[in-house]
């Protein structure tokens, strides 16, 4: 017997009166509530705390709100008896409300599944909805999503970067202007929810990529195996191109194990010489050997490392992201010239290996977005021998491998964060000869000023000071953006006070010891 939910695979289906509980009221949660209210569903939003703006807007769109503690299931939610629960990505599998829904046999969706079901609200001239490109990975997701959308736009396609990048995918689906393609950044949280899909019209992307895989978000998933399993869902039912990182065997295994549409191709990328179905680098030239007829003996030039260097895009991990994005764009037959044109105009987002100042022969680099060890390792590969600023909320991740591999190459290390014990101990084990200084300041306003003062004293002409924390920011800062902005402001303040040429003196220990 067909359930009602199995019939809800179109914007034009009958969603009226469907009882839906929406968990969470951030940007994503509101986009879900707004969409469902527009469809005529009966919507109850459940959240611990709502902003004044959302409290005002929910009654306007026709949704109800319940606010309060969520350590247990609210009586109001039980009485509502939802037919579907749609959870914001922050709700982990072990959360009380998620366990309640699953144990009760209630359909559990994320925002991406709802977006896929209603993707035909605005269609192309041929009557079909936009193609979807899915992007995930431990690091590089946002940059690759932006790169791919920029390349597609340069090729004449109406492309929208959306999802975890900032614009909810439901907002892109409902945009009246419509798109040819949506480049959807997906977190492991969103992919875990997609893995629950059982309906007759489960998401089937045109192409998908997992850029890399390393420990992250273990406190949410419970284990690395569960994290990997969630990431692997990005390739489910891919129709044309499964793009993977040849330098990361885990992504190849995901493709090999994926249940894809017959005829979908595996497309590799890395910084080496490409094979006949790959993108790679030959003598400083980025080339495509995947999307051309004579790929066994020929390659198409996309750009050069020298050109990328002129635009600050030549760090190895950025080049890898460019190749992944180009693979997605080329799968849609975007011309190589359009790829090159897009790169000439592209700029990295703030806080991604961003040079914030060069003064007194010292280069100050903000990579506050390096919120896990894998991302920090990429930054350190781009700037070997840097004065390394590390620390924050480790999210249950082990830093020993990172410090064993990269710590000994640092000129000095400055450790921030409210709990620095694990990092200091790891440097003691793996890089005991590297000078190490702890910043004990608990006040957010003081942390970066002291960091910059220490770094400036340790730096000599030609050195790089690199903020690559390998950790989340929430123990001391509002976000990685806040952390990066405070670092850049402290650098500018230091230079503005005439200190740009004052460096080279060995700093004394601050709240810790030189290692």
Protein backbone atom coordinates (compact mmCIF):
# COMPACT_ATOMS: atom_id res chain seq x y z
CA UNK A 1 0.00 0.00 0.00
CA UNK A 2 1.36 3.41 -1.00
CA UNK A 3 1.74 5.75 1.94
CA UNK A 4 0.86 9.39 1.68
CA UNK A 5 4.52 10.36 2.02
CA UNK A 6 5.39 8.30 -1.05
CA UNK A 7 3.10 10.53 -3.11
CA UNK A 8 4.80 13.75 -1.94
CA UNK A 9 7.48 13.92 -4.62
CA UNK A 10 6.52 17.21 -6.27
CA UNK A 11 5.78 20.78 -5.36
CA UNK A 12 2.42 20.20 -7.03
CA UNK A 13 1.50 17.21 -4.84
CA UNK A 14 -1.10 17.63 -2.09
CA UNK A 15 0.84 18.62 1.03
CA UNK A 16 -2.21 20.24 2.68
CA UNK A 17 -2.73 19.36 6.30
CA UNK A 18 0.40 17.19 6.57
CA UNK A 19 1.55 17.36 10.20
CA UNK A 20 5.24 18.24 10.20
CA UNK A 21 7.43 18.96 13.21
CA UNK A 22 10.45 21.10 12.34
CA UNK A 23 13.33 20.78 14.79
CA UNK A 24 15.50 23.85 15.10
CA UNK A 25 14.99 27.43 14.04
CA UNK A 26 18.13 28.74 12.43
CA UNK A 27 18.31 29.79 8.79
CA UNK A 28 17.79 26.20 7.67
CA UNK A 29 14.90 25.52 10.04
CA UNK A 30 13.09 28.66 8.98
CA UNK A 31 13.49 27.79 5.29
CA UNK A 32 11.86 24.41 6.02
CA UNK A 33 8.98 25.97 7.96
CA UNK A 34 8.44 28.63 5.33
CA UNK A 35 8.37 26.07 2.51
CA UNK A 36 5.94 23.77 4.30
CA UNK A 37 3.64 26.62 5.26
CA UNK A 38 3.55 27.73 1.64
CA UNK A 39 2.58 24.16 0.69
CA UNK A 40 -0.29 24.19 3.19
CA UNK A 41 1.17 21.77 5.73
CA UNK A 42 0.40 21.97 9.45
CA UNK A 43 3.75 23.08 10.89
CA UNK A 44 4.99 23.02 14.47
CA UNK A 45 8.52 24.38 15.00
CA UNK A 46 10.29 23.07 18.09
CA UNK A 47 13.43 24.83 19.30
CA UNK A 48 15.27 25.60 22.49
CA UNK A 49 15.34 29.31 21.74
CA UNK A 50 14.15 31.51 18.90
CA UNK A 51 15.28 34.98 17.88
CA UNK A 52 12.81 37.83 18.10
CA UNK A 53 12.72 38.00 14.31
CA UNK A 54 11.72 34.35 13.92
CA UNK A 55 9.16 34.62 16.73
CA UNK A 56 7.55 37.44 14.79
CA UNK A 57 7.74 35.75 11.38
CA UNK A 58 6.41 32.28 12.20
CA UNK A 59 2.81 33.39 12.90
CA UNK A 60 2.94 35.50 9.75
CA UNK A 61 3.73 32.49 7.57
CA UNK A 62 1.21 30.32 9.42
CA UNK A 63 3.48 28.10 11.54
CA UNK A 64 3.36 27.49 15.29
CA UNK A 65 6.30 27.72 17.67
CA UNK A 66 7.26 25.81 20.81
CA UNK A 67 10.29 26.97 22.79
CA UNK A 68 11.93 25.26 25.70
CA UNK A 69 14.43 22.67 26.92
CA UNK A 70 14.92 19.70 24.59
CA UNK A 71 16.69 17.25 26.86
CA UNK A 72 13.47 15.24 26.69
CA UNK A 73 10.57 15.17 24.24
CA UNK A 74 8.10 18.00 24.93
CA UNK A 75 4.51 16.98 25.66
CA UNK A 76 3.37 19.42 23.00
CA UNK A 77 5.37 17.56 20.35
CA UNK A 78 3.96 14.19 21.42
CA UNK A 79 0.41 15.59 21.34
CA UNK A 80 1.02 17.06 17.87
CA UNK A 81 1.61 13.50 16.60
CA UNK A 82 3.70 14.48 13.55
CA UNK A 83 3.59 12.44 10.37
CA UNK A 84 7.06 13.73 9.48
CA UNK A 85 9.89 15.21 11.53
CA UNK A 86 12.33 17.44 9.64
CA UNK A 87 15.44 18.14 11.68
CA UNK A 88 18.00 20.87 11.32
CA UNK A 89 21.55 19.50 10.81
CA UNK A 90 22.59 20.28 14.37
CA UNK A 91 20.42 17.49 15.79
CA UNK A 92 22.74 14.51 16.21
CA UNK A 93 21.56 10.88 15.94
CA UNK A 94 21.78 10.45 19.73
CA UNK A 95 19.60 13.51 20.48
CA UNK A 96 16.49 12.66 22.50
CA UNK A 97 14.10 13.99 19.84
CA UNK A 98 15.80 12.07 17.04
CA UNK A 99 15.75 8.84 19.04
CA UNK A 100 12.06 9.39 19.81
CA UNK A 101 11.17 9.88 16.15
CA UNK A 102 13.12 6.82 14.98
CA UNK A 103 11.89 4.55 17.74
CA UNK A 104 8.32 5.66 17.03
CA UNK A 105 8.57 4.91 13.32
CA UNK A 106 8.02 8.55 12.36
CA UNK A 107 9.49 9.58 9.00
CA UNK A 108 12.68 11.57 9.63
CA UNK A 109 13.98 13.94 6.95
CA UNK A 110 16.54 16.67 6.62
CA UNK A 111 16.04 19.90 4.70
CA UNK A 112 17.81 18.47 1.64
CA UNK A 113 15.31 15.63 1.21
CA UNK A 114 12.42 18.10 1.35
CA UNK A 115 14.18 20.30 -1.21
CA UNK A 116 14.65 17.35 -3.56
CA UNK A 117 10.98 16.41 -3.29
CA UNK A 118 9.82 19.93 -4.25
CA UNK A 119 12.61 20.71 -6.73
CA UNK A 120 10.11 21.12 -9.59
CA UNK A 121 8.56 24.33 -8.28
CA UNK A 122 10.59 26.30 -10.83
CA UNK A 123 11.67 24.41 -13.94
CA UNK A 124 13.80 25.04 -17.01
CA UNK A 125 12.40 25.82 -20.43
CA UNK A 126 12.20 22.11 -21.24
CA UNK A 127 10.05 21.52 -18.15
CA UNK A 128 12.75 19.75 -16.11
CA UNK A 129 14.06 20.91 -12.73
CA UNK A 130 17.64 22.03 -12.23
CA UNK A 131 20.40 19.43 -12.13
CA UNK A 132 22.05 18.91 -8.75
CA UNK A 133 25.79 18.68 -8.10
CA UNK A 134 26.68 17.49 -4.60
CA UNK A 135 29.91 18.54 -2.85
CA UNK A 136 31.23 17.19 0.43
CA UNK A 137 34.53 16.37 2.12
CA UNK A 138 36.21 17.11 5.41
CA UNK A 139 37.79 20.25 3.96
CA UNK A 140 37.44 22.43 0.88
CA UNK A 141 33.68 22.09 0.45
CA UNK A 142 32.78 25.77 0.33
CA UNK A 143 35.68 26.76 -1.92
CA UNK A 144 34.91 23.93 -4.35
CA UNK A 145 31.19 24.73 -4.35
CA UNK A 146 31.88 28.37 -5.16
CA UNK A 147 34.47 27.45 -7.77
CA UNK A 148 32.16 25.01 -9.55
CA UNK A 149 29.23 27.44 -9.60
CA UNK A 150 31.50 30.23 -10.89
CA UNK A 151 32.83 28.00 -13.68
CA UNK A 152 29.33 26.95 -14.67
CA UNK A 153 28.14 30.55 -14.74
CA UNK A 154 31.12 31.48 -16.91
CA UNK A 155 29.99 28.70 -19.24
CA UNK A 156 26.57 30.27 -19.64
CA UNK A 157 24.62 28.21 -17.12
CA UNK A 158 22.42 29.66 -14.41
CA UNK A 159 24.14 28.13 -11.40
CA UNK A 160 23.52 28.62 -7.68
CA UNK A 161 25.86 27.62 -4.85
CA UNK A 162 23.67 26.57 -1.93
CA UNK A 163 23.24 24.19 0.99
CA UNK A 164 25.76 24.24 3.81
CA UNK A 165 27.50 27.18 2.11
CA UNK A 166 24.97 29.65 3.49
CA UNK A 167 21.92 29.80 1.21
CA UNK A 168 19.55 26.97 2.19
CA UNK A 169 18.88 24.67 -0.73
CA UNK A 170 15.15 25.23 -0.23
CA UNK A 171 15.63 28.94 -0.91
CA UNK A 172 17.44 28.11 -4.16
CA UNK A 173 14.71 25.65 -5.20
CA UNK A 174 12.03 28.28 -4.61
CA UNK A 175 13.86 31.16 -6.31
CA UNK A 176 11.43 32.39 -8.99
CA UNK A 177 14.28 33.13 -11.40
CA UNK A 178 15.12 29.43 -11.58
CA UNK A 179 18.45 27.74 -12.26
CA UNK A 180 20.00 25.25 -14.64
CA UNK A 181 22.10 23.67 -11.92
CA UNK A 182 22.36 23.77 -8.13
CA UNK A 183 25.80 23.17 -6.64
CA UNK A 184 24.87 21.87 -3.21
CA UNK A 185 27.44 21.81 -0.40
CA UNK A 186 26.54 19.08 2.08
CA UNK A 187 27.85 18.53 5.59
CA UNK A 188 28.22 15.07 7.06
CA UNK A 189 25.19 15.90 9.22
CA UNK A 190 23.00 16.56 6.20
CA UNK A 191 24.30 13.43 4.49
CA UNK A 192 23.45 11.31 7.53
CA UNK A 193 19.83 12.42 7.16
CA UNK A 194 19.91 11.70 3.43
CA UNK A 195 21.05 8.21 4.28
CA UNK A 196 17.68 7.64 5.93
CA UNK A 197 15.80 8.22 2.65
CA UNK A 198 13.54 5.34 1.67
CA UNK A 199 11.00 6.99 -0.63
CA UNK A 200 10.37 6.20 -4.30
CA UNK A 201 12.14 9.36 -5.50
CA UNK A 202 15.33 9.50 -3.44
CA UNK A 203 17.92 12.10 -4.37
CA UNK A 204 19.83 11.28 -7.56
CA UNK A 205 22.46 13.92 -8.39
CA UNK A 206 23.90 14.60 -11.82
CA UNK A 207 27.41 14.47 -10.34
CA UNK A 208 28.96 14.30 -6.89
CA UNK A 209 32.33 14.67 -5.21
CA UNK A 210 33.87 13.81 -1.85
CA UNK A 211 37.05 15.88 -1.74
CA UNK A 212 38.82 14.14 1.14
CA UNK A 213 38.17 12.35 4.39
CA UNK A 214 39.76 12.87 7.81
CA UNK A 215 38.64 12.84 11.44
CA UNK A 216 36.02 15.50 12.15
CA UNK A 217 32.68 15.86 13.94
CA UNK A 218 33.27 12.63 15.84
CA UNK A 219 31.25 13.96 18.76
CA UNK A 220 28.22 14.19 16.43
CA UNK A 221 28.60 10.86 14.62
CA UNK A 222 30.06 8.82 17.46
CA UNK A 223 32.90 7.25 15.46
CA UNK A 224 35.04 7.74 12.39
CA UNK A 225 33.30 4.79 10.72
CA UNK A 226 29.90 6.45 11.14
CA UNK A 227 31.33 9.73 9.82
CA UNK A 228 32.75 7.98 6.75
CA UNK A 229 29.46 6.14 6.14
CA UNK A 230 27.58 9.45 6.20
CA UNK A 231 30.00 11.09 3.76
CA UNK A 232 29.71 8.14 1.37
CA UNK A 233 26.00 8.86 0.82
CA UNK A 234 27.03 11.76 -1.41
CA UNK A 235 27.48 9.27 -4.28
CA UNK A 236 24.15 7.47 -3.86
CA UNK A 237 22.32 7.16 -7.20
CA UNK A 238 24.73 9.51 -9.03
CA UNK A 239 23.81 9.62 -12.72
CA UNK A 240 26.84 10.92 -14.65
CA UNK A 241 30.09 11.55 -12.72
CA UNK A 242 31.42 10.33 -9.36
CA UNK A 243 34.40 12.60 -8.77
CA UNK A 244 36.96 11.35 -6.24
CA UNK A 245 40.40 12.27 -4.89
CA UNK A 246 43.08 9.89 -6.22
CA UNK A 247 45.31 10.90 -3.30
CA UNK A 248 42.68 9.84 -0.76
CA UNK A 249 41.95 6.11 -1.00
CA UNK A 250 38.86 6.46 1.18
CA UNK A 251 37.08 8.49 -1.49
CA UNK A 252 37.86 5.88 -4.15
CA UNK A 253 36.42 3.16 -1.92
CA UNK A 254 33.27 5.22 -1.52
CA UNK A 255 32.85 5.34 -5.29
CA UNK A 256 33.57 1.64 -5.66
CA UNK A 257 30.95 0.81 -3.03
CA UNK A 258 28.32 3.31 -4.21
CA UNK A 259 24.99 2.28 -5.72
CA UNK A 260 24.96 4.55 -8.78
CA UNK A 261 22.92 4.81 -11.96
CA UNK A 262 24.24 2.54 -14.69
CA UNK A 263 26.68 4.42 -16.90
CA UNK A 264 27.95 6.83 -14.23
CA UNK A 265 31.72 7.32 -14.54
CA UNK A 266 34.40 7.49 -11.88
CA UNK A 267 36.47 10.65 -12.43
CA UNK A 268 39.69 11.09 -10.46
CA UNK A 269 41.67 14.21 -9.61
CA UNK A 270 44.96 14.93 -7.88
CA UNK A 271 48.14 16.95 -8.36
CA UNK A 272 49.88 14.26 -10.39
CA UNK A 273 49.83 13.32 -14.07
CA UNK A 274 46.24 12.32 -14.90
CA UNK A 275 45.08 9.05 -16.40
CA UNK A 276 42.49 8.84 -19.20
CA UNK A 277 39.53 9.53 -16.87
CA UNK A 278 41.21 12.04 -14.60
CA UNK A 279 42.08 15.69 -14.11
CA UNK A 280 45.57 16.55 -12.92
CA UNK A 281 48.73 18.57 -13.44
CA UNK A 282 51.41 18.12 -16.13
CA UNK A 283 54.49 20.37 -16.07
CA UNK A 284 52.64 23.09 -14.19
CA UNK A 285 49.55 22.91 -16.41
CA UNK A 286 46.13 21.85 -15.07
CA UNK A 287 44.59 19.50 -17.62
CA UNK A 288 41.43 17.49 -18.26
CA UNK A 289 41.79 13.95 -19.60
CA UNK A 290 38.28 12.88 -18.66
CA UNK A 291 35.83 14.89 -20.73
CA UNK A 292 37.11 14.70 -24.30
CA UNK A 293 36.73 12.12 -27.02
CA UNK A 294 40.42 11.32 -27.50
CA UNK A 295 41.24 11.11 -23.81
CA UNK A 296 43.65 8.21 -24.24
CA UNK A 297 46.19 10.32 -26.12
CA UNK A 298 45.12 13.93 -25.51
CA UNK A 299 44.37 16.43 -22.75
CA UNK A 300 42.67 19.80 -22.56
CA UNK A 301 44.47 22.68 -20.85
CA UNK A 302 42.45 24.47 -18.16
CA UNK A 303 44.97 26.89 -16.63
CA UNK A 304 48.50 26.95 -15.24
CA UNK A 305 49.87 26.93 -11.72
CA UNK A 306 51.70 30.16 -12.56
CA UNK A 307 48.43 31.90 -13.44
CA UNK A 308 46.85 30.62 -10.24
CA UNK A 309 49.81 31.88 -8.20
CA UNK A 310 49.18 35.40 -9.48
CA UNK A 311 45.73 35.23 -7.86
CA UNK A 312 46.73 33.53 -4.62
CA UNK A 313 45.25 30.21 -5.74
CA UNK A 314 48.36 28.03 -6.04
CA UNK A 315 48.43 26.39 -2.60
CA UNK A 316 48.35 22.62 -3.21
CA UNK A 317 44.99 22.02 -1.53
CA UNK A 318 43.44 24.92 -3.45
CA UNK A 319 44.71 23.50 -6.75
CA UNK A 320 43.11 20.19 -5.80
CA UNK A 321 39.81 21.97 -5.13
CA UNK A 322 40.07 23.69 -8.51
CA UNK A 323 40.52 20.36 -10.26
CA UNK A 324 37.52 18.87 -8.43
CA UNK A 325 35.35 21.86 -9.32
CA UNK A 326 36.53 21.72 -12.92
CA UNK A 327 35.53 18.05 -13.09
CA UNK A 328 31.99 18.95 -12.03
CA UNK A 329 31.82 21.81 -14.54
CA UNK A 330 33.30 19.77 -17.37
CA UNK A 331 30.76 17.00 -16.73
CA UNK A 332 28.19 19.58 -17.85
CA UNK A 333 30.27 20.36 -20.95
CA UNK A 334 31.45 23.74 -19.67
CA UNK A 335 34.25 24.74 -22.04
CA UNK A 336 37.87 24.82 -20.82
CA UNK A 337 38.04 28.51 -21.76
CA UNK A 338 35.13 29.21 -19.41
CA UNK A 339 36.93 27.38 -16.61
CA UNK A 340 40.00 29.55 -17.17
CA UNK A 341 37.92 32.74 -17.35
CA UNK A 342 36.19 31.86 -14.08
CA UNK A 343 39.51 31.34 -12.32
CA UNK A 344 40.82 34.70 -13.50
CA UNK A 345 38.00 36.41 -11.60
CA UNK A 346 37.79 34.09 -8.59
CA UNK A 347 38.85 35.08 -5.09
CA UNK A 348 38.96 32.85 -2.03
CA UNK A 349 36.57 33.63 0.80
CA UNK A 350 37.98 35.43 3.83
CA UNK A 351 39.76 33.29 6.44
CA UNK A 352 40.91 30.71 3.89
CA UNK A 353 44.72 31.02 3.64
CA UNK A 354 44.13 34.77 3.35
CA UNK A 355 47.20 37.00 3.50
CA UNK A 356 46.06 39.79 5.81
CA UNK A 357 49.32 41.77 5.88
CA UNK A 358 52.96 41.81 4.84
CA UNK A 359 55.12 44.08 6.97
CA UNK A 360 58.74 44.13 8.04
CA UNK A 361 59.40 41.12 5.86
CA UNK A 362 56.80 39.03 7.75
CA UNK A 363 53.70 37.59 6.06
CA UNK A 364 50.60 37.17 8.24
CA UNK A 365 48.16 34.50 7.01
CA UNK A 366 44.63 33.89 8.28
CA UNK A 367 43.36 30.34 7.78
CA UNK A 368 40.89 30.38 10.64
CA UNK A 369 38.67 28.14 8.49
CA UNK A 370 41.19 25.33 9.17
CA UNK A 371 38.98 23.94 11.94
CA UNK A 372 40.35 20.39 11.93
CA UNK A 373 43.77 18.70 11.63
CA UNK A 374 43.36 17.81 7.95
CA UNK A 375 42.73 21.44 6.99
CA UNK A 376 45.63 22.65 9.14
CA UNK A 377 47.95 20.13 7.49
CA UNK A 378 47.04 21.57 4.09
CA UNK A 379 47.85 25.08 5.31
CA UNK A 380 51.19 23.98 6.72
CA UNK A 381 52.03 22.26 3.44
CA UNK A 382 51.52 25.61 1.73
CA UNK A 383 53.62 27.45 4.34
CA UNK A 384 56.30 25.07 5.69
CA UNK A 385 58.39 26.52 8.49
CA UNK A 386 55.70 28.97 9.59
CA UNK A 387 55.13 30.27 13.09
CA UNK A 388 52.03 28.22 13.79
CA UNK A 389 49.04 29.44 15.82
CA UNK A 390 47.01 26.42 16.88
CA UNK A 391 44.26 25.57 19.34
CA UNK A 392 40.60 25.75 20.22
CA UNK A 393 37.83 23.19 20.55
CA UNK A 394 39.14 19.88 19.21
CA UNK A 395 35.71 18.20 18.79
CA UNK A 396 37.01 14.85 20.02
CA UNK A 397 39.68 14.64 17.31
CA UNK A 398 43.17 13.25 17.99
CA UNK A 399 45.90 15.74 17.01
CA UNK A 400 48.89 13.40 17.41
CA UNK A 401 49.11 12.47 13.74
CA UNK A 402 49.05 16.10 12.63
CA UNK A 403 51.70 17.22 15.10
CA UNK A 404 53.92 14.20 14.42
CA UNK A 405 53.80 14.96 10.70
CA UNK A 406 53.92 18.76 10.72
CA UNK A 407 54.83 20.03 14.17
CA UNK A 408 58.57 19.60 13.83
CA UNK A 409 58.61 21.80 10.72
CA UNK A 410 57.21 24.84 12.52
CA UNK A 411 59.61 27.60 13.54
CA UNK A 412 57.59 28.17 16.71
CA UNK A 413 54.14 27.28 18.02
CA UNK A 414 51.64 29.50 19.82
CA UNK A 415 48.82 27.58 21.49
CA UNK A 416 45.44 29.19 22.14
CA UNK A 417 42.20 27.78 23.55
CA UNK A 418 40.65 27.28 26.95
CA UNK A 419 41.99 23.72 27.20
CA UNK A 420 45.49 23.43 25.76
CA UNK A 421 46.56 20.27 27.59
CA UNK A 422 46.24 17.80 24.71
CA UNK A 423 48.07 20.05 22.27
CA UNK A 424 50.92 20.89 24.61
CA UNK A 425 51.37 17.22 25.46
CA UNK A 426 51.35 16.24 21.78
CA UNK A 427 54.06 18.76 20.94
CA UNK A 428 56.06 17.47 23.89
CA UNK A 429 55.89 13.96 22.44
CA UNK A 430 56.39 14.70 18.74
CA UNK A 431 58.11 18.09 18.40
CA UNK A 432 59.91 18.77 21.69
CA UNK A 433 62.55 21.01 20.11
CA UNK A 434 60.07 23.51 18.66
CA UNK A 435 59.62 26.60 20.86
CA UNK A 436 56.08 26.53 22.24
CA UNK A 437 54.17 29.31 23.98
CA UNK A 438 50.75 29.15 25.58
CA UNK A 439 48.37 32.08 25.64
CA UNK A 440 46.42 31.89 28.89
CA UNK A 441 44.23 34.94 28.40
CA UNK A 442 40.61 33.96 28.94
CA UNK A 443 39.10 37.18 27.67
CA UNK A 444 38.34 36.96 23.94
CA UNK A 445 39.39 40.58 23.44
CA UNK A 446 42.89 39.84 24.76
CA UNK A 447 43.76 36.58 23.04
CA UNK A 448 44.78 37.72 19.58
CA UNK A 449 46.62 40.80 20.78
CA UNK A 450 48.91 38.56 22.82
CA UNK A 451 49.19 36.04 19.97
CA UNK A 452 50.34 38.71 17.55
CA UNK A 453 52.82 40.18 20.02
CA UNK A 454 54.39 36.77 20.59
CA UNK A 455 54.47 35.93 16.89
CA UNK A 456 56.00 39.27 15.97
CA UNK A 457 58.78 38.79 18.50
CA UNK A 458 59.54 35.31 17.18
CA UNK A 459 59.46 36.26 13.49
CA UNK A 460 62.44 37.14 11.33
CA UNK A 461 62.59 38.64 7.86
CA UNK A 462 60.97 36.22 5.40
CA UNK A 463 58.91 34.34 7.98
CA UNK A 464 55.21 33.50 7.79
CA UNK A 465 52.87 33.66 10.77
CA UNK A 466 50.04 31.22 10.12
CA UNK A 467 46.74 31.01 11.97
CA UNK A 468 45.72 27.40 11.26
CA UNK A 469 44.02 26.34 14.50
CA UNK A 470 43.12 22.71 13.62
CA UNK A 471 40.16 23.21 15.96
CA UNK A 472 36.77 24.85 16.22
CA UNK A 473 36.52 28.33 17.68
CA UNK A 474 33.57 28.20 20.05
CA UNK A 475 35.55 27.91 23.27
CA UNK A 476 36.82 31.47 22.92
CA UNK A 477 35.21 33.04 19.84
CA UNK A 478 31.77 33.34 18.29
CA UNK A 479 32.85 31.56 15.10
CA UNK A 480 35.87 30.88 12.91
CA UNK A 481 35.00 34.16 11.19
CA UNK A 482 35.16 36.04 14.49
CA UNK A 483 38.47 34.35 15.29
CA UNK A 484 39.95 35.31 11.92
CA UNK A 485 38.67 38.86 12.07
CA UNK A 486 40.14 39.37 15.53
CA UNK A 487 43.47 37.99 14.34
CA UNK A 488 43.53 40.31 11.32
CA UNK A 489 42.53 43.29 13.48
CA UNK A 490 45.29 42.52 15.98
CA UNK A 491 47.83 42.30 13.14
CA UNK A 492 46.72 45.64 11.71
CA UNK A 493 46.78 47.24 15.14
CA UNK A 494 50.31 45.94 15.77
CA UNK A 495 51.55 47.26 12.45
CA UNK A 496 49.65 50.54 12.84
CA UNK A 497 51.49 51.23 16.09
CA UNK A 498 54.77 51.22 14.20
CA UNK A 499 55.78 47.69 15.14
CA UNK A 500 56.08 46.32 11.64
CA UNK A 501 59.87 46.24 11.71
CA UNK A 502 60.22 45.09 15.32
CA UNK A 503 60.79 41.38 15.26
CA UNK A 504 63.53 38.87 15.81
CA UNK A 505 63.83 39.00 19.60
CA UNK A 506 63.20 35.68 21.27
CA UNK A 507 59.98 35.80 23.31
CA UNK A 508 59.85 34.65 26.87
CA UNK A 509 57.35 32.08 27.99
CA UNK A 510 53.78 33.26 28.51
CA UNK A 511 51.69 31.08 30.75
CA UNK A 512 53.73 28.09 29.69
CA UNK A 513 57.22 27.13 28.63
CA UNK A 514 59.47 27.26 25.62
CA UNK A 515 59.62 23.61 24.56
